[in-house]
N, C-alpha and C. Protein backbone atom coordinates (compact mmCIF):
# COMPACT_ATOMS: atom_id res chain seq x y z
N MET A 1 0.85 -1.17 0.00
CA MET A 1 0.00 0.00 0.00
C MET A 1 0.90 1.24 0.00
N THR A 2 0.54 2.19 -0.84
CA THR A 2 1.35 3.40 -0.94
C THR A 2 0.88 4.45 0.07
N GLN A 3 1.72 5.45 0.26
CA GLN A 3 1.36 6.56 1.14
C GLN A 3 0.13 7.29 0.59
N GLU A 4 0.04 7.45 -0.72
CA GLU A 4 -1.13 8.10 -1.34
C GLU A 4 -2.41 7.32 -1.03
N GLU A 5 -2.35 5.98 -1.09
CA GLU A 5 -3.53 5.17 -0.77
C GLU A 5 -3.92 5.33 0.69
N LEU A 6 -2.95 5.37 1.58
CA LEU A 6 -3.25 5.57 3.00
C LEU A 6 -3.92 6.92 3.23
N LEU A 7 -3.41 7.96 2.59
CA LEU A 7 -4.01 9.29 2.72
C LEU A 7 -5.43 9.31 2.14
N ALA A 8 -5.63 8.64 1.02
CA ALA A 8 -6.96 8.58 0.41
C ALA A 8 -7.95 7.88 1.34
N ARG A 9 -7.53 6.78 1.93
CA ARG A 9 -8.42 6.05 2.85
C ARG A 9 -8.79 6.90 4.05
N GLU A 10 -7.84 7.64 4.59
CA GLU A 10 -8.14 8.50 5.72
C GLU A 10 -9.08 9.63 5.31
N ALA A 11 -8.91 10.19 4.13
CA ALA A 11 -9.81 11.23 3.63
C ALA A 11 -11.22 10.67 3.43
N ILE A 12 -11.32 9.43 2.99
CA ILE A 12 -12.64 8.79 2.82
C ILE A 12 -13.28 8.57 4.18
N ARG A 13 -12.52 8.14 5.17
CA ARG A 13 -13.07 7.97 6.52
C ARG A 13 -13.59 9.31 7.06
N TYR A 14 -12.87 10.39 6.77
CA TYR A 14 -13.32 11.72 7.19
C TYR A 14 -14.65 12.06 6.53
N THR A 15 -14.80 11.77 5.24
CA THR A 15 -16.06 12.01 4.53
C THR A 15 -17.20 11.23 5.18
N MET A 16 -16.94 9.97 5.53
CA MET A 16 -17.98 9.16 6.18
C MET A 16 -18.37 9.74 7.54
N ALA A 17 -17.40 10.24 8.29
CA ALA A 17 -17.70 10.85 9.58
C ALA A 17 -18.53 12.12 9.40
N CYS A 18 -18.18 12.93 8.41
CA CYS A 18 -18.94 14.15 8.14
C CYS A 18 -20.39 13.84 7.77
N TYR A 19 -20.59 12.77 6.99
CA TYR A 19 -21.94 12.32 6.61
C TYR A 19 -22.77 12.06 7.87
N ASN A 20 -22.21 11.28 8.80
CA ASN A 20 -22.98 10.92 9.99
C ASN A 20 -23.17 12.10 10.93
N MET A 21 -22.16 12.92 11.11
CA MET A 21 -22.29 14.08 12.00
C MET A 21 -23.37 15.03 11.49
N ALA A 22 -23.33 15.34 10.20
CA ALA A 22 -24.33 16.25 9.63
C ALA A 22 -25.71 15.60 9.63
N GLY A 23 -25.77 14.32 9.30
CA GLY A 23 -27.06 13.63 9.26
C GLY A 23 -27.73 13.55 10.62
N ASP A 24 -26.96 13.22 11.66
CA ASP A 24 -27.53 13.11 13.00
C ASP A 24 -28.04 14.45 13.52
N ARG A 25 -27.48 15.53 13.00
CA ARG A 25 -27.90 16.86 13.45
C ARG A 25 -28.88 17.50 12.47
N ALA A 26 -29.27 16.77 11.43
CA ALA A 26 -30.22 17.26 10.41
C ALA A 26 -29.73 18.56 9.77
N ARG A 27 -28.45 18.62 9.48
CA ARG A 27 -27.86 19.79 8.84
C ARG A 27 -27.72 19.50 7.35
N ALA A 28 -28.81 19.74 6.65
CA ALA A 28 -28.89 19.38 5.23
C ALA A 28 -27.82 20.06 4.40
N ASP A 29 -27.52 21.33 4.69
CA ASP A 29 -26.51 22.05 3.90
C ASP A 29 -25.14 21.38 4.02
N GLU A 30 -24.80 20.93 5.22
CA GLU A 30 -23.53 20.22 5.42
C GLU A 30 -23.59 18.81 4.86
N PHE A 31 -24.73 18.17 5.03
CA PHE A 31 -24.91 16.77 4.62
C PHE A 31 -24.63 16.59 3.13
N VAL A 32 -25.14 17.46 2.31
CA VAL A 32 -25.00 17.28 0.86
C VAL A 32 -23.57 17.52 0.37
N THR A 33 -22.74 18.20 1.17
CA THR A 33 -21.39 18.49 0.71
C THR A 33 -20.50 17.26 0.65
N VAL A 34 -20.92 16.14 1.23
CA VAL A 34 -20.12 14.92 1.17
C VAL A 34 -20.42 14.10 -0.09
N PHE A 35 -21.39 14.57 -0.89
CA PHE A 35 -21.76 13.89 -2.13
C PHE A 35 -21.21 14.65 -3.33
N THR A 36 -20.89 13.92 -4.40
CA THR A 36 -20.58 14.58 -5.66
C THR A 36 -21.85 15.29 -6.13
N LYS A 37 -21.72 16.23 -7.04
CA LYS A 37 -22.89 16.97 -7.51
C LYS A 37 -23.96 16.05 -8.09
N ASP A 38 -23.53 14.94 -8.71
CA ASP A 38 -24.47 13.97 -9.29
C ASP A 38 -24.64 12.76 -8.39
N GLY A 39 -24.24 12.89 -7.12
CA GLY A 39 -24.26 11.76 -6.19
C GLY A 39 -25.63 11.13 -6.02
N ILE A 40 -25.61 9.86 -5.66
CA ILE A 40 -26.84 9.09 -5.46
C ILE A 40 -26.85 8.56 -4.04
N LEU A 41 -28.01 8.70 -3.37
CA LEU A 41 -28.23 8.11 -2.06
C LEU A 41 -29.43 7.19 -2.17
N GLU A 42 -29.21 5.92 -1.86
CA GLU A 42 -30.29 4.93 -1.83
C GLU A 42 -30.54 4.54 -0.39
N ALA A 43 -31.78 4.64 0.02
CA ALA A 43 -32.19 4.23 1.36
C ALA A 43 -33.48 3.42 1.21
N GLY A 44 -33.39 2.14 1.54
CA GLY A 44 -34.55 1.28 1.34
C GLY A 44 -34.86 1.16 -0.14
N ASP A 45 -36.11 1.39 -0.51
CA ASP A 45 -36.52 1.30 -1.91
C ASP A 45 -36.50 2.65 -2.62
N THR A 46 -35.95 3.67 -1.95
CA THR A 46 -35.98 5.01 -2.50
C THR A 46 -34.57 5.46 -2.90
N GLN A 47 -34.50 6.19 -3.99
CA GLN A 47 -33.23 6.69 -4.49
C GLN A 47 -33.33 8.19 -4.72
N TYR A 48 -32.31 8.92 -4.28
CA TYR A 48 -32.24 10.35 -4.48
C TYR A 48 -30.97 10.64 -5.27
N GLN A 49 -31.12 11.35 -6.39
CA GLN A 49 -29.96 11.63 -7.24
C GLN A 49 -29.72 13.12 -7.32
N GLY A 50 -28.48 13.51 -7.04
CA GLY A 50 -28.08 14.90 -7.09
C GLY A 50 -28.23 15.57 -5.73
N ARG A 51 -27.42 16.57 -5.53
CA ARG A 51 -27.42 17.25 -4.22
C ARG A 51 -28.76 17.89 -3.89
N ASP A 52 -29.46 18.43 -4.90
CA ASP A 52 -30.76 19.07 -4.62
C ASP A 52 -31.76 18.06 -4.08
N ALA A 53 -31.83 16.90 -4.69
CA ALA A 53 -32.78 15.86 -4.24
C ALA A 53 -32.40 15.34 -2.87
N ILE A 54 -31.12 15.16 -2.64
CA ILE A 54 -30.66 14.68 -1.33
C ILE A 54 -30.94 15.74 -0.26
N HIS A 55 -30.72 17.00 -0.59
CA HIS A 55 -30.99 18.09 0.34
C HIS A 55 -32.47 18.13 0.71
N LYS A 56 -33.32 18.01 -0.28
CA LYS A 56 -34.77 18.03 -0.03
C LYS A 56 -35.17 16.89 0.91
N TRP A 57 -34.63 15.69 0.68
CA TRP A 57 -34.92 14.54 1.54
C TRP A 57 -34.44 14.81 2.97
N MET A 58 -33.20 15.27 3.10
CA MET A 58 -32.66 15.52 4.44
C MET A 58 -33.43 16.63 5.14
N SER A 59 -33.83 17.66 4.43
CA SER A 59 -34.58 18.77 5.02
C SER A 59 -35.92 18.30 5.56
N GLY A 60 -36.47 17.24 5.01
CA GLY A 60 -37.75 16.70 5.46
C GLY A 60 -37.70 16.07 6.83
N TRP A 61 -36.49 15.83 7.35
CA TRP A 61 -36.36 15.24 8.68
C TRP A 61 -36.67 16.24 9.77
N GLY A 62 -36.74 17.53 9.44
CA GLY A 62 -37.05 18.54 10.45
C GLY A 62 -35.81 19.11 11.09
N ARG A 63 -36.02 19.97 12.04
CA ARG A 63 -34.94 20.62 12.78
C ARG A 63 -35.09 20.31 14.26
N PRO A 64 -34.02 20.48 15.02
CA PRO A 64 -34.12 20.27 16.46
C PRO A 64 -35.17 21.20 17.07
N LYS A 65 -35.81 20.72 18.13
CA LYS A 65 -36.80 21.53 18.83
C LYS A 65 -36.15 22.77 19.43
N ALA A 66 -36.94 23.83 19.58
CA ALA A 66 -36.44 25.06 20.18
C ALA A 66 -35.85 24.76 21.55
N GLY A 67 -34.69 25.34 21.81
CA GLY A 67 -34.04 25.12 23.10
C GLY A 67 -33.19 23.86 23.16
N ALA A 68 -33.26 23.02 22.13
CA ALA A 68 -32.46 21.79 22.12
C ALA A 68 -31.02 22.13 21.77
N SER A 69 -30.12 21.26 22.15
CA SER A 69 -28.71 21.49 21.85
C SER A 69 -28.48 21.42 20.35
N ALA A 70 -27.36 21.95 19.91
CA ALA A 70 -27.01 21.94 18.48
C ALA A 70 -26.86 20.54 17.95
N ASP A 71 -26.61 19.58 18.83
CA ASP A 71 -26.43 18.19 18.42
C ASP A 71 -27.72 17.38 18.48
N ALA A 72 -28.82 18.04 18.82
CA ALA A 72 -30.08 17.32 18.98
C ALA A 72 -30.56 16.74 17.65
N ALA A 73 -31.31 15.68 17.76
CA ALA A 73 -31.88 15.04 16.58
C ALA A 73 -33.06 15.86 16.08
N PRO A 74 -33.44 15.67 14.84
CA PRO A 74 -34.60 16.38 14.29
C PRO A 74 -35.87 16.10 15.07
N ALA A 75 -36.69 17.14 15.24
CA ALA A 75 -37.93 17.01 16.00
C ALA A 75 -38.89 16.03 15.36
N LYS A 76 -38.88 15.92 14.05
CA LYS A 76 -39.83 15.05 13.36
C LYS A 76 -39.69 13.60 13.81
N ARG A 77 -38.49 13.20 14.16
CA ARG A 77 -38.27 11.82 14.62
C ARG A 77 -38.80 11.64 16.04
N GLY A 78 -39.00 12.75 16.77
CA GLY A 78 -39.53 12.66 18.11
C GLY A 78 -38.55 12.07 19.12
N VAL A 79 -37.27 12.23 18.89
CA VAL A 79 -36.27 11.71 19.81
C VAL A 79 -35.36 12.86 20.24
N LYS A 80 -34.66 12.64 21.34
CA LYS A 80 -33.74 13.66 21.83
C LYS A 80 -32.40 13.60 21.13
N PHE A 81 -32.03 12.41 20.69
CA PHE A 81 -30.74 12.30 20.01
C PHE A 81 -30.74 11.11 19.05
N VAL A 82 -29.87 11.22 18.07
CA VAL A 82 -29.60 10.14 17.11
C VAL A 82 -28.08 10.10 16.94
N ARG A 83 -27.51 8.91 17.03
CA ARG A 83 -26.08 8.76 16.83
C ARG A 83 -25.81 7.55 15.94
N HIS A 84 -25.34 7.82 14.74
CA HIS A 84 -24.88 6.76 13.84
C HIS A 84 -23.41 6.48 14.18
N ASN A 85 -23.11 5.26 14.49
CA ASN A 85 -21.74 4.85 14.80
C ASN A 85 -21.26 3.93 13.70
N ILE A 86 -20.18 4.31 13.01
CA ILE A 86 -19.63 3.44 11.99
C ILE A 86 -18.55 2.58 12.63
N THR A 87 -18.52 1.33 12.20
CA THR A 87 -17.60 0.37 12.82
C THR A 87 -16.66 -0.17 11.75
N THR A 88 -16.70 -1.45 11.50
CA THR A 88 -15.80 -2.07 10.54
C THR A 88 -16.00 -1.44 9.17
N SER A 89 -14.89 -1.07 8.55
CA SER A 89 -14.95 -0.42 7.25
C SER A 89 -13.83 -0.96 6.37
N GLN A 90 -14.22 -1.43 5.19
CA GLN A 90 -13.24 -1.88 4.21
C GLN A 90 -13.31 -0.95 3.02
N ILE A 91 -12.19 -0.31 2.73
CA ILE A 91 -12.10 0.63 1.61
C ILE A 91 -11.12 0.04 0.61
N ASP A 92 -11.57 -0.08 -0.63
CA ASP A 92 -10.73 -0.61 -1.70
C ASP A 92 -10.52 0.45 -2.76
N MET A 93 -9.28 0.74 -3.05
CA MET A 93 -8.95 1.70 -4.10
C MET A 93 -9.15 1.00 -5.44
N THR A 94 -9.96 1.63 -6.31
CA THR A 94 -10.23 1.05 -7.63
C THR A 94 -9.53 1.83 -8.74
N GLY A 95 -8.92 2.92 -8.38
CA GLY A 95 -8.17 3.75 -9.33
C GLY A 95 -7.56 4.90 -8.56
N PRO A 96 -6.83 5.78 -9.22
CA PRO A 96 -6.20 6.89 -8.50
C PRO A 96 -7.21 7.88 -7.91
N ASP A 97 -8.40 7.95 -8.50
CA ASP A 97 -9.43 8.89 -8.03
C ASP A 97 -10.75 8.21 -7.73
N THR A 98 -10.74 6.89 -7.56
CA THR A 98 -11.98 6.16 -7.27
C THR A 98 -11.73 5.08 -6.23
N ALA A 99 -12.78 4.79 -5.47
CA ALA A 99 -12.70 3.75 -4.44
C ALA A 99 -14.09 3.22 -4.17
N THR A 100 -14.15 2.04 -3.58
CA THR A 100 -15.41 1.48 -3.10
C THR A 100 -15.23 1.17 -1.62
N GLY A 101 -16.35 1.01 -0.94
CA GLY A 101 -16.29 0.71 0.48
C GLY A 101 -17.54 0.01 0.97
N ARG A 102 -17.35 -0.72 2.04
CA ARG A 102 -18.46 -1.35 2.75
C ARG A 102 -18.20 -1.10 4.23
N THR A 103 -19.14 -0.47 4.90
CA THR A 103 -18.96 -0.05 6.28
C THR A 103 -20.20 -0.41 7.09
N TYR A 104 -19.98 -1.06 8.21
CA TYR A 104 -21.08 -1.39 9.12
C TYR A 104 -21.42 -0.18 9.98
N PHE A 105 -22.71 -0.06 10.33
CA PHE A 105 -23.13 1.01 11.24
C PHE A 105 -24.16 0.47 12.23
N VAL A 106 -24.21 1.13 13.37
CA VAL A 106 -25.26 0.89 14.36
C VAL A 106 -25.74 2.26 14.82
N VAL A 107 -27.05 2.38 14.98
CA VAL A 107 -27.66 3.66 15.34
C VAL A 107 -28.28 3.56 16.72
N PHE A 108 -27.98 4.54 17.55
CA PHE A 108 -28.57 4.64 18.89
C PHE A 108 -29.47 5.87 18.91
N THR A 109 -30.63 5.71 19.56
CA THR A 109 -31.55 6.83 19.78
C THR A 109 -31.99 6.76 21.23
N ASP A 110 -33.03 7.47 21.57
CA ASP A 110 -33.55 7.46 22.94
C ASP A 110 -33.84 6.05 23.45
N ILE A 111 -34.17 5.15 22.53
CA ILE A 111 -34.55 3.80 22.96
C ILE A 111 -33.35 2.88 23.16
N GLY A 112 -32.16 3.36 22.85
CA GLY A 112 -30.96 2.51 22.86
C GLY A 112 -30.65 2.10 21.44
N PRO A 113 -30.22 0.84 21.25
CA PRO A 113 -29.97 0.39 19.87
C PRO A 113 -31.25 0.48 19.05
N ASP A 114 -31.21 1.21 17.96
CA ASP A 114 -32.39 1.47 17.14
C ASP A 114 -32.39 0.60 15.89
N HIS A 115 -31.30 0.63 15.15
CA HIS A 115 -31.16 -0.21 13.96
C HIS A 115 -29.70 -0.29 13.57
N CYS A 116 -29.40 -1.25 12.70
CA CYS A 116 -28.02 -1.39 12.23
C CYS A 116 -28.04 -1.94 10.81
N GLY A 117 -26.90 -1.82 10.15
CA GLY A 117 -26.80 -2.29 8.78
C GLY A 117 -25.44 -1.96 8.22
N TYR A 118 -25.41 -1.64 6.94
CA TYR A 118 -24.14 -1.30 6.31
C TYR A 118 -24.36 -0.32 5.16
N TYR A 119 -23.29 0.41 4.88
CA TYR A 119 -23.25 1.29 3.72
C TYR A 119 -22.41 0.60 2.65
N SER A 120 -22.89 0.59 1.44
CA SER A 120 -22.14 0.14 0.28
C SER A 120 -21.89 1.38 -0.56
N ASP A 121 -20.62 1.77 -0.69
CA ASP A 121 -20.29 3.07 -1.26
C ASP A 121 -19.38 3.00 -2.47
N THR A 122 -19.52 4.02 -3.30
CA THR A 122 -18.55 4.34 -4.34
C THR A 122 -18.10 5.77 -4.07
N PHE A 123 -16.80 5.98 -4.06
CA PHE A 123 -16.22 7.29 -3.79
C PHE A 123 -15.47 7.79 -5.01
N ARG A 124 -15.43 9.12 -5.14
CA ARG A 124 -14.68 9.73 -6.24
C ARG A 124 -13.96 10.97 -5.70
N LYS A 125 -12.73 11.12 -6.09
CA LYS A 125 -11.97 12.30 -5.69
C LYS A 125 -12.35 13.45 -6.60
N VAL A 126 -12.74 14.56 -5.98
CA VAL A 126 -13.13 15.77 -6.69
C VAL A 126 -12.27 16.89 -6.11
N GLY A 127 -11.34 17.39 -6.90
CA GLY A 127 -10.38 18.36 -6.38
C GLY A 127 -9.50 17.66 -5.36
N ASP A 128 -9.47 18.19 -4.15
CA ASP A 128 -8.68 17.54 -3.11
C ASP A 128 -9.54 16.78 -2.11
N ARG A 129 -10.83 16.62 -2.39
CA ARG A 129 -11.75 15.92 -1.47
C ARG A 129 -12.21 14.59 -2.06
N TRP A 130 -12.39 13.62 -1.20
CA TRP A 130 -13.02 12.35 -1.57
C TRP A 130 -14.49 12.45 -1.20
N LEU A 131 -15.38 12.27 -2.19
CA LEU A 131 -16.81 12.42 -1.98
C LEU A 131 -17.54 11.13 -2.31
N ILE A 132 -18.74 11.01 -1.78
CA ILE A 132 -19.59 9.86 -2.07
C ILE A 132 -20.27 10.09 -3.41
N SER A 133 -20.06 9.18 -4.35
CA SER A 133 -20.77 9.29 -5.62
C SER A 133 -21.99 8.38 -5.63
N HIS A 134 -21.99 7.34 -4.80
CA HIS A 134 -23.15 6.45 -4.70
C HIS A 134 -23.11 5.76 -3.34
N ARG A 135 -24.18 5.89 -2.59
CA ARG A 135 -24.30 5.21 -1.30
C ARG A 135 -25.60 4.45 -1.24
N LYS A 136 -25.50 3.16 -0.92
CA LYS A 136 -26.66 2.34 -0.59
C LYS A 136 -26.61 2.08 0.90
N ALA A 137 -27.64 2.49 1.61
CA ALA A 137 -27.75 2.24 3.04
C ALA A 137 -28.71 1.08 3.22
N ARG A 138 -28.22 0.00 3.80
CA ARG A 138 -29.02 -1.22 4.00
C ARG A 138 -29.20 -1.51 5.48
N GLN A 139 -30.41 -1.83 5.87
CA GLN A 139 -30.67 -2.22 7.25
C GLN A 139 -30.64 -3.73 7.37
N ASP A 140 -29.90 -4.23 8.37
CA ASP A 140 -29.88 -5.66 8.67
C ASP A 140 -30.82 -5.99 9.82
N TRP A 141 -31.04 -5.02 10.70
CA TRP A 141 -31.89 -5.23 11.88
C TRP A 141 -32.43 -3.89 12.33
N ARG A 142 -33.63 -3.91 12.88
CA ARG A 142 -34.16 -2.73 13.53
C ARG A 142 -35.04 -3.14 14.69
N SER A 143 -35.02 -2.35 15.73
CA SER A 143 -35.83 -2.61 16.92
C SER A 143 -37.30 -2.44 16.58
N PRO A 144 -38.16 -3.24 17.20
CA PRO A 144 -39.61 -3.01 17.01
C PRO A 144 -40.04 -1.61 17.45
N GLU A 145 -39.27 -0.98 18.34
CA GLU A 145 -39.58 0.37 18.81
C GLU A 145 -38.80 1.43 18.02
N SER A 146 -38.21 1.08 16.91
CA SER A 146 -37.37 2.00 16.16
C SER A 146 -38.05 3.33 15.91
N THR A 147 -37.29 4.39 16.06
CA THR A 147 -37.81 5.73 15.80
C THR A 147 -37.74 6.08 14.31
N PHE A 148 -37.13 5.21 13.52
CA PHE A 148 -36.95 5.48 12.10
C PHE A 148 -38.01 4.81 11.23
N GLY A 149 -38.87 4.02 11.78
CA GLY A 149 -39.89 3.35 10.98
C GLY A 149 -39.28 2.28 10.10
N THR A 150 -39.98 1.90 9.05
CA THR A 150 -39.50 0.83 8.19
C THR A 150 -38.54 1.35 7.16
């Protein structure tokens, strides 16, 4: 593995962290910046293509309730907090400016463990940033009390 590949992998991990931090806080403007302009987000049976469509979807989650901390979860979910935790992650370089990845996640909300699954990603380097060009979010398990629904 080259030093360039190591740096690319770390930049990709940073992109994944930014995705979860912005998503958990319902910060749509920040959330879309981790996607390429033509990026695709698949969640369940739904697909959103392009930053505008992804922004509209994320904006639908609502904003934190008045008086809530900046890290609070969106009010629409009816929870005080949401935390996506990424765990095992395998990143494979497919070219000098492209990579794929598979990363496990577990989500905690007010109820404790809420759901878990994995992200299947394609990344592309744009300028000096590694961005998500295609993300499939798959659920492997969810609590019957999940705040995220089906």
